[in-house]
């Protein structure tokens, strides 16, 4: 549903929060941050270096950032929960692709994509990955011109961030 409310040229309502810490090259489950917007809610899953950072979707769309080469995936785990993950694949941030490939055979309904592959030549500051409740996969590109402001939740919001591209995988 979230993809229906992202309009190119409109102000971005997406958070940008960095996760502090470092993973251990394996699956790291977190709560994510549930965010409300005018038409419902979504979960934000921040990037965690050297990890397969995962969150239970719990019936909402999940968005994650930043993407510059990492994978994003959704799957149903062994207990039947729908999960979404941000898979670190960068050399300096730790490459977890082999660990992901080893474990994803245990899961069902797996979908994965690389959001940064959908950027093309569009100028942007942040590439988000979005996986909807229906397993739709999207890259959402945001560009900002001015300074950032801290948010009450500890993340930052761009003062004039605008959506510049929505691309379906």
C-alpha atoms as a PDB file:
ATOM      1  CA  UNK A   1       0.000   0.000   0.000  1.00  0.00           C
ATOM      2  CA  UNK A   2       2.814   2.437   0.797  1.00  0.00           C
ATOM      3  CA  UNK A   3       3.926   2.535  -2.854  1.00  0.00           C
ATOM      4  CA  UNK A   4       0.545   4.047  -3.802  1.00  0.00           C
ATOM      5  CA  UNK A   5       1.274   7.095  -1.660  1.00  0.00           C
ATOM      6  CA  UNK A   6       4.787   7.870  -2.886  1.00  0.00           C
ATOM      7  CA  UNK A   7       4.541  10.602  -5.512  1.00  0.00           C
ATOM      8  CA  UNK A   8       7.570  11.860  -7.424  1.00  0.00           C
ATOM      9  CA  UNK A   9       8.143  15.521  -6.532  1.00  0.00           C
ATOM     10  CA  UNK A  10       6.192  15.287  -3.266  1.00  0.00           C
ATOM     11  CA  UNK A  11       7.885  15.747   0.105  1.00  0.00           C
ATOM     12  CA  UNK A  12       9.295  12.558   1.598  1.00  0.00           C
ATOM     13  CA  UNK A  13       7.755  11.297   4.823  1.00  0.00           C
ATOM     14  CA  UNK A  14      10.265   8.443   5.168  1.00  0.00           C
ATOM     15  CA  UNK A  15      12.639   8.313   8.136  1.00  0.00           C
ATOM     16  CA  UNK A  16      16.368   7.943   7.824  1.00  0.00           C
ATOM     17  CA  UNK A  17      17.783   6.310  10.907  1.00  0.00           C
ATOM     18  CA  UNK A  18      21.170   4.681  11.233  1.00  0.00           C
ATOM     19  CA  UNK A  19      21.465   1.658  13.452  1.00  0.00           C
ATOM     20  CA  UNK A  20      24.397   1.835  15.799  1.00  0.00           C
ATOM     21  CA  UNK A  21      26.469  -1.265  16.149  1.00  0.00           C
ATOM     22  CA  UNK A  22      27.719  -4.089  14.005  1.00  0.00           C
ATOM     23  CA  UNK A  23      26.323  -7.507  13.204  1.00  0.00           C
ATOM     24  CA  UNK A  24      28.118 -10.829  13.454  1.00  0.00           C
ATOM     25  CA  UNK A  25      27.694 -11.997   9.863  1.00  0.00           C
ATOM     26  CA  UNK A  26      24.413 -13.788  10.644  1.00  0.00           C
ATOM     27  CA  UNK A  27      20.686 -13.200  11.125  1.00  0.00           C
ATOM     28  CA  UNK A  28      19.928 -10.428  13.628  1.00  0.00           C
ATOM     29  CA  UNK A  29      16.246  -9.913  14.426  1.00  0.00           C
ATOM     30  CA  UNK A  30      14.985  -6.536  15.600  1.00  0.00           C
ATOM     31  CA  UNK A  31      11.637  -4.893  16.310  1.00  0.00           C
ATOM     32  CA  UNK A  32      12.012  -2.258  13.603  1.00  0.00           C
ATOM     33  CA  UNK A  33      10.236   1.050  14.036  1.00  0.00           C
ATOM     34  CA  UNK A  34       6.543   1.300  13.196  1.00  0.00           C
ATOM     35  CA  UNK A  35       5.770   4.633  11.548  1.00  0.00           C
ATOM     36  CA  UNK A  36       2.316   6.089  10.981  1.00  0.00           C
ATOM     37  CA  UNK A  37       1.435   8.171   7.965  1.00  0.00           C
ATOM     38  CA  UNK A  38      -1.816   9.599   6.629  1.00  0.00           C
ATOM     39  CA  UNK A  39      -2.945   6.320   5.025  1.00  0.00           C
ATOM     40  CA  UNK A  40      -1.798   3.710   7.540  1.00  0.00           C
ATOM     41  CA  UNK A  41       1.531   2.537   8.892  1.00  0.00           C
ATOM     42  CA  UNK A  42       4.736   0.809   7.833  1.00  0.00           C
ATOM     43  CA  UNK A  43       7.848  -0.552   9.518  1.00  0.00           C
ATOM     44  CA  UNK A  44      11.294   0.932   9.073  1.00  0.00           C
ATOM     45  CA  UNK A  45      14.227  -1.506   9.191  1.00  0.00           C
ATOM     46  CA  UNK A  46      17.596   0.270   9.414  1.00  0.00           C
ATOM     47  CA  UNK A  47      20.771  -1.071   7.836  1.00  0.00           C
ATOM     48  CA  UNK A  48      23.040  -2.994  10.219  1.00  0.00           C
ATOM     49  CA  UNK A  49      26.563  -3.571   8.883  1.00  0.00           C
ATOM     50  CA  UNK A  50      27.732  -7.200   8.679  1.00  0.00           C
ATOM     51  CA  UNK A  51      24.258  -8.615   9.326  1.00  0.00           C
ATOM     52  CA  UNK A  52      21.123 -10.047   7.839  1.00  0.00           C
ATOM     53  CA  UNK A  53      18.983  -7.549   9.738  1.00  0.00           C
ATOM     54  CA  UNK A  54      15.435  -8.856   9.883  1.00  0.00           C
ATOM     55  CA  UNK A  55      12.053  -7.788  11.230  1.00  0.00           C
ATOM     56  CA  UNK A  56       8.627  -9.435  11.466  1.00  0.00           C
ATOM     57  CA  UNK A  57       6.435  -7.644   8.921  1.00  0.00           C
ATOM     58  CA  UNK A  58       3.334  -8.125  11.104  1.00  0.00           C
ATOM     59  CA  UNK A  59       0.939  -7.281   8.270  1.00  0.00           C
ATOM     60  CA  UNK A  60       2.488  -3.979   7.168  1.00  0.00           C
ATOM     61  CA  UNK A  61       4.845  -2.854   4.410  1.00  0.00           C
ATOM     62  CA  UNK A  62       8.529  -2.712   5.372  1.00  0.00           C
ATOM     63  CA  UNK A  63      10.984  -0.105   4.134  1.00  0.00           C
ATOM     64  CA  UNK A  64      14.734  -0.050   4.745  1.00  0.00           C
ATOM     65  CA  UNK A  65      17.705   2.188   3.966  1.00  0.00           C
ATOM     66  CA  UNK A  66      20.284   2.999   2.859  1.00  0.00           C
ATOM     67  CA  UNK A  67      20.974   0.768  -0.145  1.00  0.00           C
ATOM     68  CA  UNK A  68      24.077   0.970  -2.305  1.00  0.00           C
ATOM     69  CA  UNK A  69      24.443  -2.706  -3.203  1.00  0.00           C
ATOM     70  CA  UNK A  70      22.832  -4.694  -0.379  1.00  0.00           C
ATOM     71  CA  UNK A  71      19.962  -7.098  -0.944  1.00  0.00           C
ATOM     72  CA  UNK A  72      16.464  -6.848   0.485  1.00  0.00           C
ATOM     73  CA  UNK A  73      14.347  -9.961   0.912  1.00  0.00           C
ATOM     74  CA  UNK A  74      11.084 -11.222   2.363  1.00  0.00           C
ATOM     75  CA  UNK A  75      10.357 -14.764   3.457  1.00  0.00           C
ATOM     76  CA  UNK A  76       8.183 -16.916   5.680  1.00  0.00           C
ATOM     77  CA  UNK A  77      10.240 -18.375   8.516  1.00  0.00           C
ATOM     78  CA  UNK A  78       9.948 -21.849  10.059  1.00  0.00           C
ATOM     79  CA  UNK A  79       7.312 -20.645  12.558  1.00  0.00           C
ATOM     80  CA  UNK A  80       5.118 -19.104   9.839  1.00  0.00           C
ATOM     81  CA  UNK A  81       6.011 -15.447  10.386  1.00  0.00           C
ATOM     82  CA  UNK A  82       6.438 -13.151   7.391  1.00  0.00           C
ATOM     83  CA  UNK A  83       9.868 -11.562   7.738  1.00  0.00           C
ATOM     84  CA  UNK A  84      11.728  -8.863   5.808  1.00  0.00           C
ATOM     85  CA  UNK A  85      15.494  -8.408   5.881  1.00  0.00           C
ATOM     86  CA  UNK A  86      18.288  -6.071   4.755  1.00  0.00           C
ATOM     87  CA  UNK A  87      21.277  -8.229   3.769  1.00  0.00           C
ATOM     88  CA  UNK A  88      24.695  -6.576   4.061  1.00  0.00           C
ATOM     89  CA  UNK A  89      26.777  -7.328   0.938  1.00  0.00           C
ATOM     90  CA  UNK A  90      29.388  -4.563   0.985  1.00  0.00           C
ATOM     91  CA  UNK A  91      33.055  -5.394   1.487  1.00  0.00           C
ATOM     92  CA  UNK A  92      33.741  -2.704   4.082  1.00  0.00           C
ATOM     93  CA  UNK A  93      30.415  -3.355   5.822  1.00  0.00           C
ATOM     94  CA  UNK A  94      30.681  -7.147   5.804  1.00  0.00           C
ATOM     95  CA  UNK A  95      29.352  -9.459   3.114  1.00  0.00           C
ATOM     96  CA  UNK A  96      26.547 -11.725   4.352  1.00  0.00           C
ATOM     97  CA  UNK A  97      25.370 -12.996   0.947  1.00  0.00           C
ATOM     98  CA  UNK A  98      26.901 -16.473   1.456  1.00  0.00           C
ATOM     99  CA  UNK A  99      25.248 -16.768   4.888  1.00  0.00           C
ATOM    100  CA  UNK A 100      21.926 -15.664   3.357  1.00  0.00           C
ATOM    101  CA  UNK A 101      22.239 -18.202   0.532  1.00  0.00           C
ATOM    102  CA  UNK A 102      22.954 -20.953   3.090  1.00  0.00           C
ATOM    103  CA  UNK A 103      19.931 -20.158   5.257  1.00  0.00           C
ATOM    104  CA  UNK A 104      17.232 -19.145   2.766  1.00  0.00           C
ATOM    105  CA  UNK A 105      16.602 -22.777   1.793  1.00  0.00           C
ATOM    106  CA  UNK A 106      14.948 -23.212   5.223  1.00  0.00           C
ATOM    107  CA  UNK A 107      12.380 -20.540   4.382  1.00  0.00           C
ATOM    108  CA  UNK A 108       9.358 -20.430   2.078  1.00  0.00           C
ATOM    109  CA  UNK A 109       7.874 -17.673  -0.095  1.00  0.00           C
ATOM    110  CA  UNK A 110      11.287 -16.045  -0.569  1.00  0.00           C
ATOM    111  CA  UNK A 111      11.527 -12.901  -2.695  1.00  0.00           C
ATOM    112  CA  UNK A 112      14.709 -10.856  -2.985  1.00  0.00           C
ATOM    113  CA  UNK A 113      16.030  -7.933  -4.975  1.00  0.00           C
ATOM    114  CA  UNK A 114      18.794  -5.330  -4.998  1.00  0.00           C
ATOM    115  CA  UNK A 115      17.110  -1.889  -4.725  1.00  0.00           C
ATOM    116  CA  UNK A 116      20.179  -0.039  -6.016  1.00  0.00           C
ATOM    117  CA  UNK A 117      19.880  -1.931  -9.332  1.00  0.00           C
ATOM    118  CA  UNK A 118      16.726   0.108 -10.010  1.00  0.00           C
ATOM    119  CA  UNK A 119      18.301   3.566  -9.574  1.00  0.00           C
ATOM    120  CA  UNK A 120      19.371   4.110 -13.167  1.00  0.00           C
ATOM    121  CA  UNK A 121      20.835   7.567 -13.752  1.00  0.00           C
ATOM    122  CA  UNK A 122      18.471   9.373 -11.363  1.00  0.00           C
ATOM    123  CA  UNK A 123      20.242  11.775  -8.991  1.00  0.00           C
ATOM    124  CA  UNK A 124      19.444  10.861  -5.386  1.00  0.00           C
ATOM    125  CA  UNK A 125      20.742  11.049  -1.855  1.00  0.00           C
ATOM    126  CA  UNK A 126      19.140   7.956  -0.312  1.00  0.00           C
ATOM    127  CA  UNK A 127      17.937   4.718  -1.866  1.00  0.00           C
ATOM    128  CA  UNK A 128      15.251   2.939   0.139  1.00  0.00           C
ATOM    129  CA  UNK A 129      14.039  -0.596  -0.458  1.00  0.00           C
ATOM    130  CA  UNK A 130      10.345  -1.357   0.000  1.00  0.00           C
ATOM    131  CA  UNK A 131       8.649  -4.737   0.245  1.00  0.00           C
ATOM    132  CA  UNK A 132       4.872  -4.571   0.459  1.00  0.00           C
ATOM    133  CA  UNK A 133       2.515  -6.950   2.243  1.00  0.00           C
ATOM    134  CA  UNK A 134       1.844  -8.505  -1.171  1.00  0.00           C
ATOM    135  CA  UNK A 135       5.612  -9.045  -1.778  1.00  0.00           C
ATOM    136  CA  UNK A 136       5.913  -6.160  -4.232  1.00  0.00           C
ATOM    137  CA  UNK A 137       9.540  -4.979  -4.415  1.00  0.00           C
ATOM    138  CA  UNK A 138      10.377  -1.308  -5.020  1.00  0.00           C
ATOM    139  CA  UNK A 139      13.273   1.129  -4.877  1.00  0.00           C
ATOM    140  CA  UNK A 140      12.333   4.570  -3.557  1.00  0.00           C
ATOM    141  CA  UNK A 141      14.811   7.354  -4.259  1.00  0.00           C
ATOM    142  CA  UNK A 142      14.900  10.530  -2.178  1.00  0.00           C
ATOM    143  CA  UNK A 143      16.897  13.701  -2.833  1.00  0.00           C
ATOM    144  CA  UNK A 144      17.432  16.556  -0.362  1.00  0.00           C
ATOM    145  CA  UNK A 145      19.125  19.927  -0.791  1.00  0.00           C
ATOM    146  CA  UNK A 146      19.393  21.316   2.745  1.00  0.00           C
ATOM    147  CA  UNK A 147      20.609  20.274   6.177  1.00  0.00           C
ATOM    148  CA  UNK A 148      19.199  17.438   8.226  1.00  0.00           C
ATOM    149  CA  UNK A 149      17.257  17.835  11.439  1.00  0.00           C
ATOM    150  CA  UNK A 150      17.224  15.328  14.300  1.00  0.00           C
ATOM    151  CA  UNK A 151      13.919  13.569  14.931  1.00  0.00           C
ATOM    152  CA  UNK A 152      12.436  12.812  18.327  1.00  0.00           C
ATOM    153  CA  UNK A 153      13.151   9.110  17.809  1.00  0.00           C
ATOM    154  CA  UNK A 154      16.889   9.687  17.447  1.00  0.00           C
ATOM    155  CA  UNK A 155      16.957   9.466  13.658  1.00  0.00           C
ATOM    156  CA  UNK A 156      17.189  12.331  11.237  1.00  0.00           C
ATOM    157  CA  UNK A 157      14.763  13.830   8.760  1.00  0.00           C
ATOM    158  CA  UNK A 158      15.819  15.822   5.720  1.00  0.00           C
ATOM    159  CA  UNK A 159      14.326  19.309   5.807  1.00  0.00           C
ATOM    160  CA  UNK A 160      13.392  19.390   2.124  1.00  0.00           C
ATOM    161  CA  UNK A 161      13.609  15.759   1.067  1.00  0.00           C
ATOM    162  CA  UNK A 162      11.516  14.909  -1.965  1.00  0.00           C
ATOM    163  CA  UNK A 163      10.680  11.666  -3.719  1.00  0.00           C
ATOM    164  CA  UNK A 164      12.523  11.535  -7.047  1.00  0.00           C
ATOM    165  CA  UNK A 165      11.815   7.994  -8.234  1.00  0.00           C
ATOM    166  CA  UNK A 166       9.704   4.914  -7.477  1.00  0.00           C
ATOM    167  CA  UNK A 167      10.775   1.821  -9.422  1.00  0.00           C
ATOM    168  CA  UNK A 168       9.245  -1.669  -9.262  1.00  0.00           C
ATOM    169  CA  UNK A 169      11.534  -4.692  -9.466  1.00  0.00           C
END
